[in-house]
Amino acid sequence: MKKLMFYAVFCLTALVMVSFFSCSAQAPQANLKTDIDSLSYAFGVQISGGVDLDQYFKSKGIEGASKEEFVRGFLEGAKVDKKDKNGIARLEGLSVGRQIASDMLTNINESIFGSDSTQTLNKTQLLAGFLAAVQNKNLLMKKDDVQTFVQTKVDAVQAKVNEKFKVANQAFLDENVKKDGVKTTPSGLQYKVVSEATGDKPTAPEDTVTVKYKGTTIAGKVFDSNDKAVFPLNRVIPGWTEGIQLMSVGSKYTLYIPYNLAYGEKGRRPDIDPYATLIFDVELLNVAHISPAAKAAAAAAAAKVGVPVKLNVPPPPVKK
């Protein structure tokens, strides 16, 4: 970021009268009378790092007259001496305000409302709360109560926002179970045998399997795939632990995994929404059985630290 910001030094060149944009009249002009002048100028060019300023502007949405404002801001910041506490404070306020009002607000909105861009927190009230807390005056709620209040309200908002995902995924499962060849286990896992084989079969959650798979949402979006994934069955989501044990090496199944056997009520955004049903096309390539001795040792180690042997944690990984 610092290198990108200092690229504005190119705008100050007097020897070369060509630039990305017209420079402000207040910009210092190059006048290399001494070795120190030349060395200083060279440092300015070196600091710029040769970064493409046009690309930087594009990434920040800076265009047209806004480029002149960039120069003014740059020159104002450059004039602030480290002893000028007020000047430094003003620039820090500008930086923090921008981060909160744009980057941070965007991230908070996404964490609460997901992909629904029509929903947003009130920017004015967010800034009012921040300034009241920073200045420690005119606070309308106690700081000690804020964390609990936020969590309670976020849970309530998300429950309402996520209800549509829950309804849509349950509707999918209700219709899917009516299709030819789709079977349901007592846990609620749905599966379909695409092609059956007579190879070896997993016999315990501790067995390690090699699989080829592709994962999609009910909308058909591919969120993950792997031609040769290797993992112990007790270290994946419950729907995989159960579903793969139904298969023999060489067989191909489609698994329809409801949210309670996958990533739960929260999902794993941005790829997997809350209450998401995950559809996996799976081919079982190999099984490596855990030995009785190893299984007993794992159980003893788990019991010693008070942790159950079965660990329901992802993968399969979600690609970013």
Foldseek 3Di string as FASTA:
>chain_A
DQLLLLLCLVQQEPVDPDDPDHEDPPRDHQDCPDPVSVVVSVVSVVSNVPDDNVVVCVVVVQDDPSVRVSNVVSVQLVPDDPVNPVSVVVVVCVVVLVCVLPVVQVVVCCLQQNPPPVDGDDSVVVVVQVVCVVVVPPHPDDPVCVVVVVVVVSVVSNCVNCVVVQVVQVVVLVVVCPDPQWDADPVGKIKGWPFADDAAAADDQQKKFWKWKWKAFPVGHTFDTDGTDIDRNLAEFQQSSVPRRVGHAFTKMKIWAWQVRHVAQCFDPDRTHGRITMIMTMHTHDIGYDDPVRVVVLCVVCVVVVHHSRHHHDDVDGDD
